[in-house]
Amino acid sequence: MNTFLVILLVAAMIATVVALVRGIISFLQEASATARGEGGGPTAAQLKSNRMMQQRILFQALAVLVVVVLLFAAGRT
């Protein structure tokens, strides 16, 4: 059980980092488009950046939940 939870925790942490990097890349693309003067509503890069950051929050919450379950299981033994 603990092995499964540790694997799940590592997967959630990796997914968090991937979503963070993708969100930052999208944010930087949006910033360069804004510097060129392309305005007038949310761009595809802005929408992707927001989606990636929302996924990052979801993966972080999952990782915290797994840590809580691991600590709870460790306290029971």
N, C-alpha and C. Protein backbone atom coordinates (compact mmCIF):
# COMPACT_ATOMS: atom_id res chain seq x y z
N MET A 1 0.83 -1.19 0.00
CA MET A 1 0.00 0.00 0.00
C MET A 1 0.87 1.25 0.00
N ASN A 2 1.88 1.28 0.88
CA ASN A 2 2.75 2.45 0.95
C ASN A 2 3.53 2.64 -0.34
N THR A 3 3.95 1.53 -0.95
CA THR A 3 4.69 1.62 -2.21
C THR A 3 3.83 2.26 -3.29
N PHE A 4 2.58 1.85 -3.36
CA PHE A 4 1.66 2.44 -4.33
C PHE A 4 1.49 3.93 -4.08
N LEU A 5 1.34 4.32 -2.82
CA LEU A 5 1.16 5.73 -2.50
C LEU A 5 2.42 6.55 -2.81
N VAL A 6 3.58 5.98 -2.59
CA VAL A 6 4.82 6.69 -2.91
C VAL A 6 4.95 6.88 -4.42
N ILE A 7 4.61 5.84 -5.18
CA ILE A 7 4.64 5.95 -6.64
C ILE A 7 3.65 7.00 -7.10
N LEU A 8 2.47 7.01 -6.51
CA LEU A 8 1.45 8.02 -6.85
C LEU A 8 1.94 9.41 -6.49
N LEU A 9 2.61 9.55 -5.37
CA LEU A 9 3.15 10.84 -4.96
C LEU A 9 4.20 11.34 -5.93
N VAL A 10 5.11 10.47 -6.34
CA VAL A 10 6.14 10.87 -7.30
C VAL A 10 5.51 11.26 -8.63
N ALA A 11 4.51 10.51 -9.07
CA ALA A 11 3.82 10.84 -10.31
C ALA A 11 3.12 12.20 -10.21
N ALA A 12 2.50 12.48 -9.08
CA ALA A 12 1.83 13.77 -8.90
C ALA A 12 2.85 14.91 -8.87
N MET A 13 4.01 14.68 -8.28
CA MET A 13 5.04 15.71 -8.23
C MET A 13 5.60 15.98 -9.63
N ILE A 14 5.81 14.92 -10.40
CA ILE A 14 6.31 15.10 -11.77
C ILE A 14 5.27 15.83 -12.62
N ALA A 15 4.01 15.46 -12.47
CA ALA A 15 2.95 16.12 -13.22
C ALA A 15 2.85 17.60 -12.84
N THR A 16 3.08 17.92 -11.57
CA THR A 16 3.06 19.30 -11.12
C THR A 16 4.17 20.10 -11.79
N VAL A 17 5.36 19.55 -11.84
CA VAL A 17 6.49 20.24 -12.47
C VAL A 17 6.25 20.42 -13.96
N VAL A 18 5.73 19.39 -14.63
CA VAL A 18 5.46 19.49 -16.06
C VAL A 18 4.41 20.57 -16.33
N ALA A 19 3.34 20.59 -15.57
CA ALA A 19 2.31 21.62 -15.76
C ALA A 19 2.86 23.01 -15.47
N LEU A 20 3.72 23.13 -14.47
CA LEU A 20 4.33 24.42 -14.15
C LEU A 20 5.20 24.91 -15.30
N VAL A 21 6.04 24.04 -15.83
CA VAL A 21 6.92 24.44 -16.94
C VAL A 21 6.11 24.81 -18.17
N ARG A 22 5.11 24.00 -18.50
CA ARG A 22 4.28 24.32 -19.67
C ARG A 22 3.53 25.63 -19.47
N GLY A 23 3.07 25.90 -18.25
CA GLY A 23 2.38 27.16 -17.97
C GLY A 23 3.30 28.35 -18.10
N ILE A 24 4.53 28.20 -17.62
CA ILE A 24 5.50 29.30 -17.72
C ILE A 24 5.86 29.57 -19.17
N ILE A 25 6.04 28.50 -19.96
CA ILE A 25 6.34 28.68 -21.38
C ILE A 25 5.19 29.39 -22.09
N SER A 26 3.97 29.00 -21.80
CA SER A 26 2.81 29.67 -22.40
C SER A 26 2.73 31.12 -21.96
N PHE A 27 3.03 31.37 -20.70
CA PHE A 27 3.01 32.75 -20.19
C PHE A 27 4.06 33.60 -20.91
N LEU A 28 5.25 33.04 -21.13
CA LEU A 28 6.30 33.80 -21.82
C LEU A 28 5.93 34.05 -23.28
N GLN A 29 5.26 33.10 -23.92
CA GLN A 29 4.80 33.32 -25.29
C GLN A 29 3.76 34.43 -25.33
N GLU A 30 2.90 34.44 -24.35
CA GLU A 30 1.87 35.49 -24.27
C GLU A 30 2.51 36.84 -24.03
N ALA A 31 3.54 36.87 -23.18
CA ALA A 31 4.21 38.14 -22.87
C ALA A 31 4.91 38.69 -24.11
N SER A 32 5.51 37.83 -24.91
CA SER A 32 6.17 38.31 -26.12
C SER A 32 5.14 38.79 -27.15
N ALA A 33 3.97 38.16 -27.21
CA ALA A 33 2.92 38.61 -28.12
C ALA A 33 2.38 39.97 -27.68
N THR A 34 2.28 40.18 -26.37
CA THR A 34 1.81 41.46 -25.86
C THR A 34 2.82 42.56 -26.16
N ALA A 35 4.10 42.24 -26.05
CA ALA A 35 5.15 43.22 -26.34
C ALA A 35 5.12 43.63 -27.81
N ARG A 36 4.69 42.73 -28.70
CA ARG A 36 4.60 43.07 -30.12
C ARG A 36 3.34 43.88 -30.42
N GLY A 37 2.44 43.99 -29.46
CA GLY A 37 1.24 44.80 -29.65
C GLY A 37 0.03 44.04 -30.13
N GLU A 38 0.05 42.74 -30.01
CA GLU A 38 -1.10 41.94 -30.42
C GLU A 38 -2.07 41.84 -29.25
N GLY A 39 -3.07 42.69 -29.22
CA GLY A 39 -4.02 42.71 -28.12
C GLY A 39 -5.41 42.37 -28.61
N GLY A 40 -6.41 42.62 -27.77
CA GLY A 40 -7.79 42.43 -28.20
C GLY A 40 -8.39 41.12 -27.74
N GLY A 41 -8.31 40.83 -26.47
CA GLY A 41 -8.91 39.61 -25.96
C GLY A 41 -7.88 38.58 -25.59
N PRO A 42 -8.34 37.54 -24.93
CA PRO A 42 -7.37 36.51 -24.50
C PRO A 42 -6.85 35.73 -25.71
N THR A 43 -5.57 35.54 -25.73
CA THR A 43 -4.94 34.79 -26.81
C THR A 43 -4.94 33.31 -26.46
N ALA A 44 -4.58 32.51 -27.45
CA ALA A 44 -4.51 31.06 -27.22
C ALA A 44 -3.44 30.75 -26.17
N ALA A 45 -2.34 31.51 -26.18
CA ALA A 45 -1.28 31.29 -25.19
C ALA A 45 -1.77 31.63 -23.78
N GLN A 46 -2.56 32.68 -23.65
CA GLN A 46 -3.09 33.04 -22.33
C GLN A 46 -4.03 31.96 -21.81
N LEU A 47 -4.89 31.47 -22.68
CA LEU A 47 -5.82 30.42 -22.27
C LEU A 47 -5.08 29.14 -21.89
N LYS A 48 -4.04 28.80 -22.66
CA LYS A 48 -3.25 27.61 -22.34
C LYS A 48 -2.51 27.79 -21.03
N SER A 49 -1.97 29.00 -20.81
CA SER A 49 -1.26 29.28 -19.56
C SER A 49 -2.20 29.13 -18.36
N ASN A 50 -3.40 29.66 -18.47
CA ASN A 50 -4.37 29.53 -17.38
C ASN A 50 -4.74 28.07 -17.13
N ARG A 51 -4.93 27.31 -18.21
CA ARG A 51 -5.28 25.90 -18.07
C ARG A 51 -4.14 25.11 -17.42
N MET A 52 -2.92 25.41 -17.81
CA MET A 52 -1.76 24.71 -17.22
C MET A 52 -1.62 25.05 -15.74
N MET A 53 -1.84 26.28 -15.37
CA MET A 53 -1.72 26.66 -13.97
C MET A 53 -2.85 26.05 -13.13
N GLN A 54 -4.03 25.91 -13.71
CA GLN A 54 -5.11 25.22 -13.00
C GLN A 54 -4.77 23.75 -12.80
N GLN A 55 -4.17 23.14 -13.81
CA GLN A 55 -3.76 21.75 -13.67
C GLN A 55 -2.67 21.61 -12.62
N ARG A 56 -1.77 22.59 -12.56
CA ARG A 56 -0.70 22.56 -11.55
C ARG A 56 -1.30 22.56 -10.15
N ILE A 57 -2.31 23.38 -9.94
CA ILE A 57 -2.96 23.44 -8.63
C ILE A 57 -3.63 22.10 -8.32
N LEU A 58 -4.26 21.50 -9.31
CA LEU A 58 -4.90 20.20 -9.12
C LEU A 58 -3.87 19.13 -8.74
N PHE A 59 -2.74 19.10 -9.45
CA PHE A 59 -1.71 18.11 -9.15
C PHE A 59 -1.07 18.35 -7.79
N GLN A 60 -0.92 19.62 -7.42
CA GLN A 60 -0.38 19.92 -6.09
C GLN A 60 -1.34 19.44 -5.01
N ALA A 61 -2.62 19.66 -5.21
CA ALA A 61 -3.60 19.20 -4.23
C ALA A 61 -3.58 17.68 -4.11
N LEU A 62 -3.43 17.00 -5.24
CA LEU A 62 -3.34 15.54 -5.23
C LEU A 62 -2.11 15.09 -4.46
N ALA A 63 -0.98 15.76 -4.68
CA ALA A 63 0.26 15.40 -3.98
C ALA A 63 0.11 15.61 -2.48
N VAL A 64 -0.50 16.70 -2.08
CA VAL A 64 -0.70 16.97 -0.65
C VAL A 64 -1.63 15.92 -0.04
N LEU A 65 -2.66 15.56 -0.77
CA LEU A 65 -3.59 14.53 -0.28
C LEU A 65 -2.88 13.19 -0.10
N VAL A 66 -2.01 12.83 -1.03
CA VAL A 66 -1.27 11.58 -0.91
C VAL A 66 -0.33 11.62 0.29
N VAL A 67 0.32 12.77 0.52
CA VAL A 67 1.20 12.91 1.68
C VAL A 67 0.40 12.75 2.97
N VAL A 68 -0.79 13.33 3.02
CA VAL A 68 -1.64 13.20 4.21
C VAL A 68 -2.00 11.74 4.45
N VAL A 69 -2.35 11.04 3.37
CA VAL A 69 -2.71 9.62 3.51
C VAL A 69 -1.49 8.81 3.97
N LEU A 70 -0.32 9.11 3.41
CA LEU A 70 0.90 8.41 3.83
C LEU A 70 1.21 8.65 5.30
N LEU A 71 1.09 9.89 5.74
CA LEU A 71 1.37 10.20 7.15
C LEU A 71 0.33 9.55 8.06
N PHE A 72 -0.92 9.53 7.62
CA PHE A 72 -1.96 8.88 8.41
C PHE A 72 -1.69 7.37 8.53
N ALA A 73 -1.27 6.77 7.40
CA ALA A 73 -0.98 5.34 7.40
C ALA A 73 0.25 5.05 8.26
N ALA A 74 1.24 5.91 8.24
CA ALA A 74 2.45 5.71 9.04
C ALA A 74 2.14 5.85 10.53
N GLY A 75 1.20 6.69 10.87
CA GLY A 75 0.83 6.87 12.28
C GLY A 75 0.06 5.70 12.84
N ARG A 76 -0.56 4.93 11.99
CA ARG A 76 -1.35 3.79 12.42
C ARG A 76 -0.51 2.57 12.73
N THR A 77 0.72 2.52 12.20
CA THR A 77 1.54 1.32 12.41
C THR A 77 2.40 1.44 13.63
